[in-house]
Amino acid sequence: MNEILNTRFIEDLVHNIGGHSLLKDTSTNKYITANTTHVKVYGFTQPSDITGYDIWELNNLMSRMWEDNAKQVNLFDKEVCYTKKTITHPRRVWLNANGYIWMHSLRKVPVTNTVNNVVAILSIGDDLTNTLTLKELYDYYLHFYIDKKIARRKFLEHVRIIQYFHEMPTDAELRVLIARSQNHVNKIVANNLNFQLSTVQFYINQLKQKIKDFDLVLEIMRLW
């Protein structure tokens, strides 16, 4: 392994790849390094902070956010070692260390030595969170959080509009707000949500009482 991993080339590659990157030693199953973008997902600040961790130790930090992610990653790595081929997963979703939705692509690339043994696995990914619609983003928060009030708060924080709320919206109000940010016509909003038009108008009136600047919030949401 040393003939491959002790060169500056591999570490330079990890730290200069755009997006997320992470390097694991297959002999110890511990992570060697990662780029700064990726370590922030776990709440770390420096690439060296992840050195020496394995997937199960990271799981101890992240299990509340990950669901069965550690098991999935372990199986992916075994597949790479067995097949000696790159594997790709175009869409994976879990929470980062701050409890916010993180959707990303994942590509795992085998690093082999001169006799074609896999000595390391290079994981590369891109943050795809901003490709989610607001409805998809909100639905993911409802999936990950048992407490739906927390789910709504985390969504508002994520979209950076929570500071405009005097009072937290209900689920129905937030769904109307999301739909209204995508369409100016209340009748279409009602049809999309399978609500009565009068119901949509009622929720909008409620929202206007809870939000400092209703029109500004809609504009911010449209920029998502």
Protein backbone atom coordinates (compact mmCIF):
# COMPACT_ATOMS: atom_id res chain seq x y z
CA MET A 1 0.00 0.00 0.00
CA ASN A 2 2.81 2.43 0.87
CA GLU A 3 4.02 2.54 -2.72
CA ILE A 4 0.67 4.10 -3.63
CA LEU A 5 -0.59 6.00 -0.62
CA ASN A 6 2.63 7.56 0.63
CA THR A 7 2.99 9.62 -2.51
CA ARG A 8 1.77 13.21 -2.52
CA PHE A 9 -0.21 12.54 -5.68
CA ILE A 10 -3.12 10.76 -3.98
CA GLU A 11 -3.52 13.28 -1.19
CA ASP A 12 -3.20 16.19 -3.62
CA LEU A 13 -5.91 14.56 -5.71
CA VAL A 14 -8.24 14.26 -2.71
CA HIS A 15 -7.75 17.87 -1.65
CA ASN A 16 -8.08 19.35 -5.11
CA ILE A 17 -11.09 17.45 -6.42
CA GLY A 18 -14.14 19.67 -6.76
CA GLY A 19 -17.10 18.67 -4.64
CA HIS A 20 -16.61 16.00 -1.97
CA SER A 21 -13.76 13.50 -1.72
CA LEU A 22 -12.65 10.93 0.84
CA LEU A 23 -9.85 8.33 0.88
CA LYS A 24 -9.96 5.03 2.78
CA ASP A 25 -7.18 2.50 3.42
CA THR A 26 -8.61 -0.96 2.67
CA SER A 27 -6.11 -2.79 4.88
CA THR A 28 -7.29 -1.02 8.04
CA ASN A 29 -10.71 0.20 6.79
CA LYS A 30 -9.82 3.60 8.24
CA TYR A 31 -10.04 6.93 6.48
CA ILE A 32 -6.76 8.57 5.56
CA THR A 33 -7.95 12.00 4.53
CA ALA A 34 -10.77 13.98 2.95
CA ASN A 35 -11.16 17.41 1.48
CA THR A 36 -12.39 20.34 3.56
CA THR A 37 -15.80 20.35 1.86
CA HIS A 38 -16.48 16.77 2.87
CA VAL A 39 -15.32 16.83 6.49
CA LYS A 40 -17.84 19.59 7.21
CA VAL A 41 -20.60 17.05 6.61
CA TYR A 42 -19.53 15.33 9.85
CA GLY A 43 -19.04 18.57 11.79
CA PHE A 44 -15.26 18.50 11.44
CA THR A 45 -13.23 21.54 10.42
CA GLN A 46 -9.91 20.14 9.17
CA PRO A 47 -9.20 17.25 6.75
CA SER A 48 -6.97 15.66 9.39
CA ASP A 49 -9.93 15.45 11.80
CA ILE A 50 -11.26 12.40 9.95
CA THR A 51 -7.92 10.55 9.86
CA GLY A 52 -8.10 7.22 11.71
CA TYR A 53 -11.88 6.93 11.77
CA ASP A 54 -13.65 3.95 10.23
CA ILE A 55 -17.23 3.94 8.99
CA TRP A 56 -18.59 2.53 12.26
CA GLU A 57 -16.88 5.21 14.34
CA LEU A 58 -18.34 7.86 12.05
CA ASN A 59 -21.67 6.12 12.48
CA ASN A 60 -21.43 6.67 16.24
CA LEU A 61 -21.30 10.40 15.50
CA MET A 62 -23.90 10.39 12.76
CA SER A 63 -26.29 7.50 13.42
CA ARG A 64 -29.19 9.84 14.25
CA MET A 65 -28.73 11.42 10.82
CA TRP A 66 -27.72 8.43 8.73
CA GLU A 67 -30.34 5.73 9.21
CA ASP A 68 -28.59 2.68 7.63
CA ASN A 69 -25.99 4.67 5.72
CA ALA A 70 -23.01 2.99 7.42
CA LYS A 71 -24.23 -0.45 6.35
CA GLN A 72 -24.72 0.80 2.79
CA VAL A 73 -21.23 2.32 2.63
CA ASN A 74 -19.69 -0.85 4.02
CA LEU A 75 -21.41 -2.91 1.31
CA PHE A 76 -20.36 -0.45 -1.41
CA ASP A 77 -16.73 -0.70 -0.30
CA LYS A 78 -16.84 -4.50 -0.26
CA GLU A 79 -18.22 -4.43 -3.80
CA VAL A 80 -15.39 -2.17 -4.98
CA CYS A 81 -12.77 -4.41 -3.38
CA TYR A 82 -14.33 -7.55 -4.88
CA THR A 83 -14.99 -6.28 -8.40
CA LYS A 84 -12.06 -3.82 -8.59
CA LYS A 85 -14.41 -1.56 -10.51
CA THR A 86 -15.83 1.90 -9.93
CA ILE A 87 -19.40 1.96 -8.65
CA THR A 88 -21.78 4.91 -8.91
CA HIS A 89 -24.86 5.89 -6.95
CA PRO A 90 -26.38 9.01 -8.53
CA ARG A 91 -28.69 10.06 -5.70
CA ARG A 92 -28.28 9.51 -1.96
CA VAL A 93 -29.97 11.50 0.80
CA TRP A 94 -29.25 11.84 4.52
CA LEU A 95 -28.67 14.56 7.11
CA ASN A 96 -25.38 16.32 7.74
CA ALA A 97 -24.00 16.97 11.24
CA ASN A 98 -26.14 20.11 11.54
CA GLY A 99 -29.31 18.17 10.82
CA TYR A 100 -29.87 19.55 7.31
CA ILE A 101 -30.81 17.51 4.26
CA TRP A 102 -27.84 16.63 2.07
CA MET A 103 -28.49 14.97 -1.29
CA HIS A 104 -25.42 13.91 -3.18
CA SER A 105 -24.03 11.66 -5.85
CA LEU A 106 -21.46 9.02 -4.91
CA ARG A 107 -18.73 7.43 -6.95
CA LYS A 108 -16.29 4.95 -5.40
CA VAL A 109 -13.06 4.39 -7.30
CA PRO A 110 -10.62 1.55 -6.51
CA VAL A 111 -6.97 2.53 -6.07
CA THR A 112 -4.79 -0.44 -6.99
CA ASN A 113 -1.12 -1.25 -6.54
CA THR A 114 1.28 -2.73 -9.09
CA VAL A 115 -0.17 -6.23 -8.68
CA ASN A 116 -3.75 -4.96 -9.08
CA ASN A 117 -4.79 -5.30 -5.45
CA VAL A 118 -7.21 -2.67 -4.18
CA VAL A 119 -5.26 -0.78 -1.52
CA ALA A 120 -7.56 2.18 -1.12
CA ILE A 121 -10.96 3.48 -2.12
CA LEU A 122 -11.44 7.03 -3.33
CA SER A 123 -14.99 8.32 -2.77
CA ILE A 124 -16.09 11.29 -4.85
CA GLY A 125 -19.41 13.10 -4.78
CA ASP A 126 -21.27 16.25 -5.73
CA ASP A 127 -23.79 18.13 -3.59
CA LEU A 128 -27.14 17.90 -5.39
CA THR A 129 -29.33 19.35 -2.65
CA ASN A 130 -30.19 22.45 -4.63
CA THR A 131 -31.61 20.29 -7.43
CA LEU A 132 -34.46 19.24 -5.12
CA THR A 133 -37.74 21.10 -5.42
CA LEU A 134 -38.92 22.80 -2.24
CA LYS A 135 -41.66 20.20 -1.93
CA GLU A 136 -39.12 17.37 -2.21
CA LEU A 137 -36.89 19.07 0.35
CA TYR A 138 -39.75 19.49 2.81
CA ASP A 139 -40.89 15.90 2.33
CA TYR A 140 -37.36 14.68 3.16
CA TYR A 141 -37.41 16.67 6.39
CA LEU A 142 -40.72 15.04 7.30
CA HIS A 143 -39.15 11.65 6.56
CA PHE A 144 -36.08 12.15 8.75
CA TYR A 145 -37.68 13.89 11.75
CA ILE A 146 -40.24 12.17 13.95
CA ASP A 147 -41.12 15.53 15.51
CA LYS A 148 -42.81 17.34 12.62
CA LYS A 149 -42.47 20.73 14.30
CA ILE A 150 -38.70 20.25 14.20
CA ALA A 151 -38.98 19.13 10.57
CA ARG A 152 -40.77 22.37 9.68
CA ARG A 153 -38.24 24.48 11.58
CA LYS A 154 -35.26 22.78 9.92
CA PHE A 155 -36.84 23.29 6.50
CA LEU A 156 -37.35 27.01 7.16
CA GLU A 157 -33.76 27.30 8.41
CA HIS A 158 -32.47 25.45 5.34
CA VAL A 159 -34.31 27.78 2.96
CA ARG A 160 -33.16 30.73 5.10
CA ILE A 161 -36.55 32.23 5.79
CA ILE A 162 -37.12 31.31 9.43
CA GLN A 163 -36.15 34.80 10.59
CA TYR A 164 -39.23 36.21 8.85
CA PHE A 165 -41.68 34.16 10.92
CA HIS A 166 -43.39 35.53 14.03
CA GLU A 167 -44.97 32.11 14.56
CA MET A 168 -44.25 28.67 13.13
CA PRO A 169 -46.58 27.58 10.31
CA THR A 170 -48.63 24.41 10.42
CA ASP A 171 -47.96 21.62 7.94
CA ALA A 172 -50.86 22.68 5.73
CA GLU A 173 -49.79 26.32 5.82
CA LEU A 174 -46.25 25.44 4.85
CA ARG A 175 -47.44 23.28 1.96
CA VAL A 176 -49.55 26.18 0.73
CA LEU A 177 -46.58 28.53 1.07
CA ILE A 178 -44.36 26.17 -0.93
CA ALA A 179 -46.99 25.76 -3.63
CA ARG A 180 -47.67 29.50 -3.69
CA SER A 181 -43.97 30.21 -4.21
CA GLN A 182 -44.15 28.10 -7.36
CA ASN A 183 -47.38 29.58 -8.70
CA HIS A 184 -49.03 32.99 -8.36
CA VAL A 185 -52.56 31.72 -9.00
CA ASN A 186 -54.39 30.53 -5.90
CA LYS A 187 -56.79 28.38 -7.92
CA ILE A 188 -53.88 26.42 -9.40
CA VAL A 189 -52.35 26.09 -5.92
CA ALA A 190 -55.67 24.70 -4.69
CA ASN A 191 -55.87 22.21 -7.56
CA ASN A 192 -52.27 21.06 -7.03
CA LEU A 193 -52.86 20.48 -3.32
CA ASN A 194 -56.38 19.11 -3.75
CA PHE A 195 -57.69 21.90 -1.50
CA GLN A 196 -60.72 24.09 -1.87
CA LEU A 197 -59.87 27.59 -3.11
CA SER A 198 -61.36 29.04 0.07
CA THR A 199 -59.06 26.81 2.12
CA VAL A 200 -55.98 28.09 0.27
CA GLN A 201 -57.10 31.68 0.79
CA PHE A 202 -57.63 30.99 4.50
CA TYR A 203 -54.13 29.53 4.88
CA ILE A 204 -52.58 32.45 3.00
CA ASN A 205 -54.31 34.89 5.35
CA GLN A 206 -52.96 32.88 8.29
CA LEU A 207 -49.46 32.95 6.81
CA LYS A 208 -49.57 36.70 6.31
CA GLN A 209 -50.22 37.07 10.03
CA LYS A 210 -47.26 34.82 10.88
CA ILE A 211 -44.72 36.26 8.40
CA LYS A 212 -43.13 39.70 8.60
CA ASP A 213 -42.99 40.15 4.82
CA PHE A 214 -45.03 37.57 2.94
CA ASP A 215 -44.06 38.74 -0.56
CA LEU A 216 -40.34 38.85 0.29
CA VAL A 217 -40.47 35.30 1.64
CA LEU A 218 -42.08 34.14 -1.60
CA GLU A 219 -39.34 35.84 -3.61
CA ILE A 220 -36.62 34.18 -1.54
CA MET A 221 -38.24 30.80 -2.01
CA ARG A 222 -38.47 31.33 -5.76
CA LEU A 223 -34.68 31.77 -5.83
CA TRP A 224 -34.17 28.24 -4.51
